[in-house]
N, C-alpha and C. Protein backbone atom coordinates (compact mmCIF):
# COMPACT_ATOMS: atom_id res chain seq x y z
N MET A 1 39.96 3.30 -22.54
CA MET A 1 39.35 2.85 -21.31
C MET A 1 40.33 1.98 -20.54
N THR A 2 40.33 2.12 -19.28
CA THR A 2 41.18 1.29 -18.44
C THR A 2 40.33 0.68 -17.35
N SER A 3 40.83 -0.39 -16.82
CA SER A 3 40.15 -0.99 -15.69
C SER A 3 41.17 -1.14 -14.57
N ALA A 4 40.86 -0.59 -13.45
CA ALA A 4 41.75 -0.69 -12.30
C ALA A 4 40.90 -0.78 -11.05
N ASN A 5 41.37 -1.53 -10.12
CA ASN A 5 40.68 -1.68 -8.86
C ASN A 5 41.56 -1.09 -7.78
N SER A 6 41.13 0.04 -7.20
CA SER A 6 41.96 0.72 -6.21
C SER A 6 42.17 -0.11 -4.95
N ALA A 7 41.30 -1.08 -4.69
CA ALA A 7 41.47 -1.94 -3.53
C ALA A 7 42.60 -2.94 -3.74
N HIS A 8 42.97 -3.20 -4.99
CA HIS A 8 44.02 -4.14 -5.34
C HIS A 8 45.02 -3.47 -6.27
N PRO A 9 45.97 -2.71 -5.72
CA PRO A 9 46.91 -1.99 -6.57
C PRO A 9 47.80 -2.90 -7.40
N GLU A 10 47.92 -4.18 -7.03
CA GLU A 10 48.75 -5.09 -7.81
C GLU A 10 48.10 -5.47 -9.14
N GLU A 11 46.80 -5.23 -9.26
CA GLU A 11 46.12 -5.50 -10.52
C GLU A 11 46.56 -4.47 -11.55
N GLN A 12 46.83 -4.94 -12.73
CA GLN A 12 47.30 -4.05 -13.77
C GLN A 12 46.15 -3.45 -14.55
N ARG A 13 46.35 -2.21 -14.96
CA ARG A 13 45.38 -1.54 -15.80
C ARG A 13 45.54 -2.08 -17.23
N THR A 14 44.42 -2.16 -17.92
CA THR A 14 44.45 -2.62 -19.31
C THR A 14 43.77 -1.59 -20.19
N THR A 15 44.06 -1.69 -21.46
CA THR A 15 43.41 -0.83 -22.45
C THR A 15 43.00 -1.68 -23.64
N ARG A 16 41.93 -1.28 -24.29
CA ARG A 16 41.46 -2.02 -25.46
C ARG A 16 42.38 -1.71 -26.65
N VAL A 17 42.89 -2.76 -27.26
CA VAL A 17 43.77 -2.62 -28.40
C VAL A 17 43.11 -3.22 -29.64
N TRP A 18 42.67 -4.46 -29.54
CA TRP A 18 42.11 -5.16 -30.70
C TRP A 18 40.60 -5.08 -30.67
N ASP A 19 40.03 -4.47 -31.70
CA ASP A 19 38.58 -4.33 -31.78
C ASP A 19 37.95 -5.69 -32.11
N PRO A 20 36.64 -5.81 -31.91
CA PRO A 20 35.99 -7.10 -32.16
C PRO A 20 36.19 -7.63 -33.59
N PHE A 21 36.17 -6.75 -34.59
CA PHE A 21 36.36 -7.24 -35.96
C PHE A 21 37.72 -7.89 -36.14
N VAL A 22 38.77 -7.26 -35.63
CA VAL A 22 40.12 -7.82 -35.78
C VAL A 22 40.20 -9.18 -35.10
N ARG A 23 39.61 -9.29 -33.92
CA ARG A 23 39.65 -10.57 -33.19
C ARG A 23 38.84 -11.64 -33.89
N ILE A 24 37.64 -11.29 -34.35
CA ILE A 24 36.81 -12.27 -35.06
C ILE A 24 37.50 -12.67 -36.36
N PHE A 25 38.07 -11.70 -37.07
CA PHE A 25 38.81 -12.00 -38.30
C PHE A 25 39.94 -12.98 -38.00
N HIS A 26 40.73 -12.68 -36.98
CA HIS A 26 41.90 -13.50 -36.66
C HIS A 26 41.51 -14.95 -36.39
N TRP A 27 40.56 -15.16 -35.49
CA TRP A 27 40.21 -16.53 -35.11
C TRP A 27 39.41 -17.24 -36.20
N SER A 28 38.61 -16.50 -36.97
CA SER A 28 37.92 -17.10 -38.12
C SER A 28 38.93 -17.55 -39.16
N LEU A 29 39.96 -16.73 -39.37
CA LEU A 29 41.01 -17.08 -40.32
C LEU A 29 41.75 -18.34 -39.87
N VAL A 30 42.06 -18.42 -38.59
CA VAL A 30 42.75 -19.60 -38.05
C VAL A 30 41.93 -20.85 -38.33
N ILE A 31 40.66 -20.81 -37.99
CA ILE A 31 39.80 -21.98 -38.14
C ILE A 31 39.56 -22.31 -39.61
N ALA A 32 39.23 -21.29 -40.41
CA ALA A 32 38.93 -21.53 -41.82
C ALA A 32 40.16 -22.02 -42.58
N PHE A 33 41.33 -21.46 -42.28
CA PHE A 33 42.54 -21.91 -42.98
C PHE A 33 42.83 -23.37 -42.62
N ALA A 34 42.72 -23.71 -41.35
CA ALA A 34 42.97 -25.09 -40.92
C ALA A 34 42.00 -26.05 -41.61
N LEU A 35 40.73 -25.68 -41.66
CA LEU A 35 39.73 -26.55 -42.31
C LEU A 35 39.97 -26.63 -43.82
N THR A 36 40.34 -25.51 -44.42
CA THR A 36 40.62 -25.51 -45.86
C THR A 36 41.81 -26.40 -46.16
N PHE A 37 42.84 -26.29 -45.35
CA PHE A 37 44.02 -27.14 -45.53
C PHE A 37 43.65 -28.62 -45.37
N ALA A 38 42.84 -28.90 -44.35
CA ALA A 38 42.47 -30.30 -44.06
C ALA A 38 41.59 -30.91 -45.15
N THR A 39 40.84 -30.08 -45.89
CA THR A 39 39.91 -30.61 -46.89
C THR A 39 40.46 -30.51 -48.31
N GLY A 40 41.70 -30.12 -48.47
CA GLY A 40 42.28 -29.87 -49.78
C GLY A 40 42.07 -30.95 -50.81
N ASP A 41 42.39 -32.18 -50.53
CA ASP A 41 42.34 -33.24 -51.54
C ASP A 41 41.11 -34.13 -51.40
N ASP A 42 40.44 -34.08 -50.26
CA ASP A 42 39.39 -35.05 -50.01
C ASP A 42 37.97 -34.52 -50.21
N ALA A 43 37.75 -33.26 -49.94
CA ALA A 43 36.39 -32.71 -50.01
C ALA A 43 36.44 -31.40 -50.79
N THR A 44 36.56 -31.51 -52.09
CA THR A 44 36.78 -30.35 -52.94
C THR A 44 35.70 -29.28 -52.77
N TRP A 45 34.44 -29.67 -52.70
CA TRP A 45 33.37 -28.68 -52.61
C TRP A 45 33.46 -27.88 -51.31
N ILE A 46 33.84 -28.52 -50.21
CA ILE A 46 34.03 -27.81 -48.94
C ILE A 46 35.26 -26.91 -49.05
N HIS A 47 36.32 -27.43 -49.62
CA HIS A 47 37.57 -26.68 -49.79
C HIS A 47 37.31 -25.39 -50.58
N ILE A 48 36.55 -25.48 -51.63
CA ILE A 48 36.28 -24.31 -52.47
C ILE A 48 35.42 -23.29 -51.71
N ARG A 49 34.43 -23.74 -51.01
CA ARG A 49 33.58 -22.81 -50.24
C ARG A 49 34.37 -22.14 -49.12
N LEU A 50 35.21 -22.90 -48.47
CA LEU A 50 36.06 -22.31 -47.44
C LEU A 50 37.05 -21.32 -48.07
N GLY A 51 37.52 -21.62 -49.26
CA GLY A 51 38.39 -20.69 -49.97
C GLY A 51 37.69 -19.36 -50.24
N TRP A 52 36.43 -19.42 -50.64
CA TRP A 52 35.65 -18.20 -50.85
C TRP A 52 35.48 -17.44 -49.54
N PHE A 53 35.26 -18.17 -48.46
CA PHE A 53 35.14 -17.53 -47.15
C PHE A 53 36.45 -16.84 -46.77
N LEU A 54 37.58 -17.50 -47.03
CA LEU A 54 38.88 -16.88 -46.75
C LEU A 54 39.08 -15.63 -47.60
N ALA A 55 38.67 -15.68 -48.85
CA ALA A 55 38.79 -14.51 -49.73
C ALA A 55 37.93 -13.36 -49.20
N ALA A 56 36.74 -13.67 -48.72
CA ALA A 56 35.88 -12.63 -48.15
C ALA A 56 36.50 -12.04 -46.89
N LEU A 57 37.04 -12.91 -46.03
CA LEU A 57 37.74 -12.42 -44.83
C LEU A 57 38.88 -11.48 -45.23
N LEU A 58 39.66 -11.88 -46.22
CA LEU A 58 40.77 -11.07 -46.69
C LEU A 58 40.29 -9.71 -47.18
N ALA A 59 39.24 -9.69 -47.98
CA ALA A 59 38.71 -8.42 -48.51
C ALA A 59 38.27 -7.50 -47.38
N PHE A 60 37.54 -8.06 -46.41
CA PHE A 60 37.10 -7.24 -45.28
C PHE A 60 38.28 -6.73 -44.47
N ARG A 61 39.30 -7.58 -44.28
CA ARG A 61 40.46 -7.15 -43.48
C ARG A 61 41.25 -6.06 -44.20
N LEU A 62 41.35 -6.16 -45.53
CA LEU A 62 42.04 -5.10 -46.28
C LEU A 62 41.30 -3.78 -46.15
N ALA A 63 39.98 -3.83 -46.23
CA ALA A 63 39.20 -2.60 -46.04
C ALA A 63 39.35 -2.07 -44.62
N TRP A 64 39.30 -2.97 -43.64
CA TRP A 64 39.41 -2.57 -42.23
C TRP A 64 40.80 -1.99 -41.95
N GLY A 65 41.79 -2.45 -42.67
CA GLY A 65 43.14 -1.92 -42.51
C GLY A 65 43.25 -0.48 -42.99
N CYS A 66 42.27 -0.03 -43.74
CA CYS A 66 42.25 1.36 -44.21
C CYS A 66 41.30 2.24 -43.41
N ILE A 67 40.19 1.66 -42.93
CA ILE A 67 39.17 2.49 -42.27
C ILE A 67 38.91 2.14 -40.81
N GLY A 68 39.51 1.06 -40.32
CA GLY A 68 39.24 0.59 -38.97
C GLY A 68 39.87 1.49 -37.91
N PRO A 69 39.72 1.11 -36.65
CA PRO A 69 40.33 1.89 -35.57
C PRO A 69 41.86 1.83 -35.62
N ARG A 70 42.49 2.65 -34.81
CA ARG A 70 43.93 2.89 -34.87
C ARG A 70 44.78 1.62 -35.04
N HIS A 71 44.66 0.67 -34.13
CA HIS A 71 45.55 -0.49 -34.15
C HIS A 71 45.20 -1.50 -35.24
N ALA A 72 44.06 -1.33 -35.90
CA ALA A 72 43.69 -2.19 -37.02
C ALA A 72 44.24 -1.65 -38.34
N ARG A 73 44.60 -0.38 -38.36
CA ARG A 73 45.04 0.27 -39.61
C ARG A 73 46.48 -0.09 -39.95
N PHE A 74 46.70 -0.26 -41.24
CA PHE A 74 48.05 -0.56 -41.72
C PHE A 74 49.02 0.55 -41.34
N THR A 75 48.56 1.77 -41.29
CA THR A 75 49.44 2.89 -40.95
C THR A 75 49.98 2.79 -39.52
N ASP A 76 49.34 1.98 -38.69
CA ASP A 76 49.79 1.83 -37.30
C ASP A 76 50.91 0.81 -37.17
N TYR A 77 51.04 -0.11 -38.14
CA TYR A 77 52.02 -1.17 -37.93
C TYR A 77 52.85 -1.55 -39.16
N VAL A 78 52.81 -0.76 -40.18
CA VAL A 78 53.70 -1.00 -41.32
C VAL A 78 54.91 -0.08 -41.16
N TYR A 79 56.07 -0.70 -40.95
CA TYR A 79 57.31 0.02 -40.70
C TYR A 79 58.28 -0.20 -41.86
N SER A 80 59.30 0.61 -41.90
CA SER A 80 60.33 0.46 -42.94
C SER A 80 61.10 -0.84 -42.71
N PRO A 81 61.69 -1.40 -43.77
CA PRO A 81 62.49 -2.61 -43.60
C PRO A 81 63.62 -2.44 -42.58
N ARG A 82 64.23 -1.27 -42.52
CA ARG A 82 65.30 -1.01 -41.56
C ARG A 82 64.80 -1.17 -40.12
N ILE A 83 63.64 -0.64 -39.84
CA ILE A 83 63.07 -0.75 -38.48
C ILE A 83 62.69 -2.19 -38.18
N VAL A 84 62.11 -2.89 -39.16
CA VAL A 84 61.72 -4.30 -38.95
C VAL A 84 62.96 -5.14 -38.67
N LEU A 85 64.02 -4.96 -39.46
CA LEU A 85 65.26 -5.73 -39.24
C LEU A 85 65.89 -5.41 -37.89
N GLY A 86 65.86 -4.15 -37.49
CA GLY A 86 66.37 -3.78 -36.18
C GLY A 86 65.57 -4.43 -35.06
N HIS A 87 64.27 -4.48 -35.25
CA HIS A 87 63.41 -5.12 -34.24
C HIS A 87 63.72 -6.63 -34.16
N LEU A 88 63.90 -7.26 -35.32
CA LEU A 88 64.23 -8.69 -35.32
C LEU A 88 65.57 -8.95 -34.64
N ARG A 89 66.56 -8.10 -34.90
CA ARG A 89 67.85 -8.25 -34.20
C ARG A 89 67.66 -8.13 -32.69
N GLY A 90 66.83 -7.18 -32.29
CA GLY A 90 66.54 -7.02 -30.87
C GLY A 90 65.83 -8.22 -30.27
N MET A 91 64.95 -8.84 -31.05
CA MET A 91 64.25 -10.04 -30.57
C MET A 91 65.24 -11.16 -30.28
N PHE A 92 66.19 -11.36 -31.20
CA PHE A 92 67.16 -12.44 -31.00
C PHE A 92 68.11 -12.13 -29.86
N ALA A 93 68.28 -10.86 -29.55
CA ALA A 93 69.13 -10.46 -28.43
C ALA A 93 68.34 -10.40 -27.12
N GLY A 94 67.02 -10.57 -27.21
CA GLY A 94 66.19 -10.56 -26.00
C GLY A 94 65.92 -9.17 -25.46
N ARG A 95 65.97 -8.18 -26.32
CA ARG A 95 65.70 -6.81 -25.87
C ARG A 95 64.99 -6.02 -26.97
N THR A 96 63.70 -5.96 -26.87
CA THR A 96 62.92 -5.15 -27.80
C THR A 96 61.97 -4.27 -27.02
N ASP A 97 61.58 -3.19 -27.64
CA ASP A 97 60.58 -2.33 -27.04
C ASP A 97 59.23 -3.03 -27.10
N ARG A 98 58.38 -2.71 -26.15
CA ARG A 98 57.02 -3.24 -26.14
C ARG A 98 56.13 -2.28 -26.93
N TYR A 99 55.28 -2.84 -27.75
CA TYR A 99 54.34 -2.05 -28.55
C TYR A 99 52.94 -2.37 -28.10
N LEU A 100 52.10 -1.35 -28.02
CA LEU A 100 50.72 -1.60 -27.64
C LEU A 100 49.99 -2.34 -28.76
N GLY A 101 50.23 -1.95 -30.01
CA GLY A 101 49.68 -2.66 -31.17
C GLY A 101 50.71 -3.66 -31.65
N HIS A 102 50.74 -3.88 -32.96
CA HIS A 102 51.73 -4.81 -33.52
C HIS A 102 53.13 -4.22 -33.44
N SER A 103 54.09 -5.06 -33.14
CA SER A 103 55.50 -4.67 -33.21
C SER A 103 55.88 -4.56 -34.69
N PRO A 104 57.05 -3.99 -35.00
CA PRO A 104 57.47 -3.95 -36.40
C PRO A 104 57.54 -5.35 -37.04
N ALA A 105 58.06 -6.33 -36.31
CA ALA A 105 58.12 -7.69 -36.86
C ALA A 105 56.72 -8.27 -37.00
N GLY A 106 55.87 -8.05 -36.02
CA GLY A 106 54.49 -8.53 -36.09
C GLY A 106 53.73 -7.90 -37.24
N GLY A 107 53.92 -6.61 -37.44
CA GLY A 107 53.25 -5.92 -38.54
C GLY A 107 53.72 -6.44 -39.89
N ALA A 108 55.03 -6.67 -40.01
CA ALA A 108 55.56 -7.22 -41.27
C ALA A 108 54.99 -8.60 -41.53
N MET A 109 54.84 -9.39 -40.48
CA MET A 109 54.29 -10.74 -40.64
C MET A 109 52.82 -10.67 -41.05
N VAL A 110 52.07 -9.74 -40.48
CA VAL A 110 50.66 -9.59 -40.87
C VAL A 110 50.56 -9.28 -42.36
N VAL A 111 51.35 -8.31 -42.81
CA VAL A 111 51.30 -7.94 -44.23
C VAL A 111 51.71 -9.12 -45.11
N ALA A 112 52.79 -9.80 -44.73
CA ALA A 112 53.26 -10.94 -45.53
C ALA A 112 52.21 -12.05 -45.58
N MET A 113 51.55 -12.30 -44.45
CA MET A 113 50.54 -13.35 -44.42
C MET A 113 49.31 -12.96 -45.24
N LEU A 114 48.94 -11.69 -45.23
CA LEU A 114 47.81 -11.24 -46.05
C LEU A 114 48.14 -11.38 -47.53
N VAL A 115 49.36 -11.04 -47.91
CA VAL A 115 49.79 -11.20 -49.30
C VAL A 115 49.76 -12.68 -49.69
N MET A 116 50.29 -13.53 -48.83
CA MET A 116 50.32 -14.97 -49.14
C MET A 116 48.90 -15.52 -49.21
N LEU A 117 48.02 -15.06 -48.34
CA LEU A 117 46.62 -15.50 -48.40
C LEU A 117 45.99 -15.07 -49.72
N ALA A 118 46.32 -13.89 -50.20
CA ALA A 118 45.80 -13.43 -51.49
C ALA A 118 46.30 -14.33 -52.62
N VAL A 119 47.57 -14.70 -52.58
CA VAL A 119 48.12 -15.60 -53.60
C VAL A 119 47.37 -16.94 -53.57
N ILE A 120 47.16 -17.47 -52.39
CA ILE A 120 46.46 -18.75 -52.24
C ILE A 120 45.03 -18.64 -52.78
N CYS A 121 44.32 -17.57 -52.41
CA CYS A 121 42.93 -17.41 -52.85
C CYS A 121 42.83 -17.22 -54.36
N VAL A 122 43.70 -16.38 -54.93
CA VAL A 122 43.64 -16.13 -56.37
C VAL A 122 44.00 -17.39 -57.16
N THR A 123 45.05 -18.09 -56.76
CA THR A 123 45.42 -19.31 -57.49
C THR A 123 44.36 -20.39 -57.31
N GLY A 124 43.79 -20.47 -56.12
CA GLY A 124 42.70 -21.44 -55.90
C GLY A 124 41.51 -21.15 -56.78
N TYR A 125 41.14 -19.88 -56.86
CA TYR A 125 40.03 -19.50 -57.74
C TYR A 125 40.34 -19.83 -59.19
N MET A 126 41.55 -19.49 -59.63
CA MET A 126 41.93 -19.76 -61.02
C MET A 126 41.82 -21.23 -61.36
N LEU A 127 42.14 -22.09 -60.40
CA LEU A 127 42.07 -23.54 -60.64
C LEU A 127 40.64 -24.03 -60.85
N THR A 128 39.65 -23.22 -60.47
CA THR A 128 38.25 -23.62 -60.69
C THR A 128 37.74 -23.20 -62.05
N LEU A 129 38.51 -22.39 -62.77
CA LEU A 129 38.10 -21.90 -64.08
C LEU A 129 38.49 -22.90 -65.17
N ASP A 130 37.68 -22.98 -66.20
CA ASP A 130 37.97 -23.89 -67.32
C ASP A 130 39.34 -23.61 -67.92
N ALA A 131 39.70 -22.36 -68.02
CA ALA A 131 40.97 -21.99 -68.66
C ALA A 131 42.19 -22.51 -67.89
N TRP A 132 42.06 -22.69 -66.60
CA TRP A 132 43.21 -23.09 -65.78
C TRP A 132 43.02 -24.45 -65.12
N PHE A 133 41.87 -25.05 -65.27
CA PHE A 133 41.59 -26.33 -64.62
C PHE A 133 42.64 -27.36 -65.04
N GLY A 134 43.24 -28.00 -64.06
CA GLY A 134 44.24 -29.03 -64.32
C GLY A 134 45.64 -28.49 -64.61
N SER A 135 45.83 -27.19 -64.52
CA SER A 135 47.15 -26.60 -64.77
C SER A 135 48.12 -27.03 -63.66
N GLU A 136 49.13 -27.78 -64.03
CA GLU A 136 50.07 -28.30 -63.03
C GLU A 136 50.89 -27.19 -62.39
N TRP A 137 51.36 -26.24 -63.18
CA TRP A 137 52.18 -25.18 -62.60
C TRP A 137 51.38 -24.31 -61.64
N LEU A 138 50.09 -24.06 -61.98
CA LEU A 138 49.24 -23.25 -61.13
C LEU A 138 48.90 -24.01 -59.84
N GLU A 139 48.64 -25.29 -59.98
CA GLU A 139 48.38 -26.11 -58.79
C GLU A 139 49.62 -26.16 -57.90
N GLY A 140 50.80 -26.25 -58.54
CA GLY A 140 52.05 -26.23 -57.79
C GLY A 140 52.25 -24.92 -57.05
N LEU A 141 51.90 -23.81 -57.71
CA LEU A 141 52.01 -22.49 -57.07
C LEU A 141 51.05 -22.39 -55.89
N HIS A 142 49.83 -22.88 -56.08
CA HIS A 142 48.82 -22.86 -55.01
C HIS A 142 49.31 -23.68 -53.80
N GLU A 143 49.82 -24.86 -54.07
CA GLU A 143 50.31 -25.72 -52.98
C GLU A 143 51.57 -25.13 -52.34
N SER A 144 52.47 -24.58 -53.13
CA SER A 144 53.68 -23.97 -52.59
C SER A 144 53.35 -22.77 -51.71
N ALA A 145 52.40 -21.95 -52.16
CA ALA A 145 51.98 -20.79 -51.36
C ALA A 145 51.38 -21.25 -50.04
N THR A 146 50.66 -22.35 -50.07
CA THR A 146 50.08 -22.90 -48.83
C THR A 146 51.18 -23.38 -47.88
N ILE A 147 52.19 -24.02 -48.42
CA ILE A 147 53.31 -24.48 -47.58
C ILE A 147 54.06 -23.28 -46.99
N VAL A 148 54.27 -22.26 -47.81
CA VAL A 148 54.91 -21.04 -47.29
C VAL A 148 54.06 -20.43 -46.19
N MET A 149 52.74 -20.41 -46.37
CA MET A 149 51.84 -19.87 -45.35
C MET A 149 51.94 -20.68 -44.07
N LEU A 150 52.01 -21.99 -44.16
CA LEU A 150 52.17 -22.82 -42.96
C LEU A 150 53.46 -22.47 -42.22
N ALA A 151 54.54 -22.25 -42.96
CA ALA A 151 55.81 -21.85 -42.34
C ALA A 151 55.66 -20.48 -41.69
N MET A 152 54.96 -19.58 -42.35
CA MET A 152 54.73 -18.25 -41.78
C MET A 152 53.90 -18.33 -40.50
N ILE A 153 52.91 -19.19 -40.51
CA ILE A 153 52.08 -19.38 -39.31
C ILE A 153 52.96 -19.87 -38.16
N ALA A 154 53.84 -20.82 -38.44
CA ALA A 154 54.74 -21.33 -37.39
C ALA A 154 55.63 -20.20 -36.87
N LEU A 155 56.20 -19.39 -37.76
CA LEU A 155 57.02 -18.26 -37.33
C LEU A 155 56.21 -17.25 -36.54
N HIS A 156 54.98 -17.02 -36.96
CA HIS A 156 54.09 -16.11 -36.24
C HIS A 156 53.87 -16.59 -34.80
N VAL A 157 53.57 -17.87 -34.66
CA VAL A 157 53.33 -18.42 -33.32
C VAL A 157 54.60 -18.33 -32.47
N VAL A 158 55.76 -18.64 -33.04
CA VAL A 158 57.02 -18.53 -32.31
C VAL A 158 57.26 -17.08 -31.89
N GLY A 159 57.01 -16.14 -32.80
CA GLY A 159 57.17 -14.72 -32.47
C GLY A 159 56.25 -14.27 -31.35
N VAL A 160 55.02 -14.75 -31.37
CA VAL A 160 54.06 -14.41 -30.31
C VAL A 160 54.53 -14.96 -28.97
N VAL A 161 55.03 -16.20 -28.97
CA VAL A 161 55.52 -16.80 -27.73
C VAL A 161 56.74 -16.04 -27.20
N ILE A 162 57.69 -15.73 -28.09
CA ILE A 162 58.90 -15.00 -27.68
C ILE A 162 58.52 -13.64 -27.12
N SER A 163 57.67 -12.93 -27.82
CA SER A 163 57.26 -11.60 -27.37
C SER A 163 56.47 -11.68 -26.06
N SER A 164 55.62 -12.67 -25.93
CA SER A 164 54.86 -12.85 -24.69
C SER A 164 55.79 -13.08 -23.50
N LEU A 165 56.80 -13.91 -23.70
CA LEU A 165 57.75 -14.19 -22.62
C LEU A 165 58.61 -12.97 -22.32
N GLU A 166 59.11 -12.32 -23.37
CA GLU A 166 60.00 -11.17 -23.16
C GLU A 166 59.30 -10.03 -22.43
N HIS A 167 58.06 -9.77 -22.79
CA HIS A 167 57.35 -8.64 -22.20
C HIS A 167 56.38 -9.06 -21.08
N ARG A 168 56.43 -10.34 -20.72
CA ARG A 168 55.57 -10.87 -19.65
C ARG A 168 54.11 -10.50 -19.87
N GLU A 169 53.65 -10.86 -21.07
CA GLU A 169 52.30 -10.49 -21.48
C GLU A 169 51.72 -11.60 -22.34
N ASN A 170 50.52 -12.03 -22.04
CA ASN A 170 49.88 -13.11 -22.78
C ASN A 170 49.21 -12.53 -24.03
N LEU A 171 49.94 -12.59 -25.16
CA LEU A 171 49.42 -12.02 -26.40
C LEU A 171 48.27 -12.83 -26.99
N ILE A 172 48.24 -14.11 -26.70
CA ILE A 172 47.11 -14.93 -27.17
C ILE A 172 45.83 -14.49 -26.47
N MET A 173 45.91 -14.28 -25.17
CA MET A 173 44.74 -13.81 -24.43
C MET A 173 44.33 -12.42 -24.90
N ALA A 174 45.32 -11.58 -25.25
CA ALA A 174 45.00 -10.24 -25.76
C ALA A 174 44.21 -10.33 -27.06
N MET A 175 44.50 -11.34 -27.88
CA MET A 175 43.75 -11.49 -29.14
C MET A 175 42.38 -12.10 -28.88
N ILE A 176 42.14 -12.62 -27.71
CA ILE A 176 40.82 -13.12 -27.34
C ILE A 176 40.01 -12.01 -26.70
N THR A 177 40.60 -11.30 -25.73
CA THR A 177 39.87 -10.27 -24.99
C THR A 177 39.91 -8.91 -25.66
N GLY A 178 40.95 -8.69 -26.48
CA GLY A 178 41.12 -7.38 -27.11
C GLY A 178 41.89 -6.39 -26.24
N ARG A 179 42.30 -6.82 -25.05
CA ARG A 179 42.92 -5.91 -24.10
C ARG A 179 44.37 -6.29 -23.82
N LYS A 180 45.19 -5.25 -23.61
CA LYS A 180 46.59 -5.42 -23.26
C LYS A 180 46.91 -4.54 -22.07
N ARG A 181 47.99 -4.86 -21.43
CA ARG A 181 48.46 -4.09 -20.28
C ARG A 181 48.73 -2.64 -20.71
N ASP A 182 48.29 -1.72 -19.86
CA ASP A 182 48.52 -0.30 -20.12
C ASP A 182 49.60 0.17 -19.15
N ASP A 183 50.77 0.45 -19.69
CA ASP A 183 51.91 0.85 -18.85
C ASP A 183 51.96 2.33 -18.55
N ARG A 184 50.96 3.09 -19.01
CA ARG A 184 50.99 4.54 -18.76
C ARG A 184 50.75 4.88 -17.33
């Protein structure tokens, strides 16, 4: 679907890229991860419940990556390492192709963040079990994975800003509205 107003040719046509589930997942993940991080040491019961919510979000997103619409599917944005590295080189040179869905670098970051979220959720769950309760190495792994995730989030935001500027497109708004510029 596109929206265009023939009375205003300067208005750009848009197309739906991000379905409601992907957008709700994305912003729910942002909020829940921030709250989980903020409650880590002070409000254990909230932290654990938010962790379960994050695990549920992850499970639904993994399923949606297999059965969801085109741009939600892993097959739409998982590229070979060679293509991802080429895209990253292009980003640093200020010349990359525009993708309607995730770019190769964006897709790689999504996969990496989902994997890291899984590590955080599994280690967090393990720490609630009698067998692992108080395990220093497991707690260290859980905390280290969280720090890595925070670094990944920062890189993700930087990548979104760079791509938005390079392609003159507000990717944050696209993740809110679900729509991107249609250059066809």
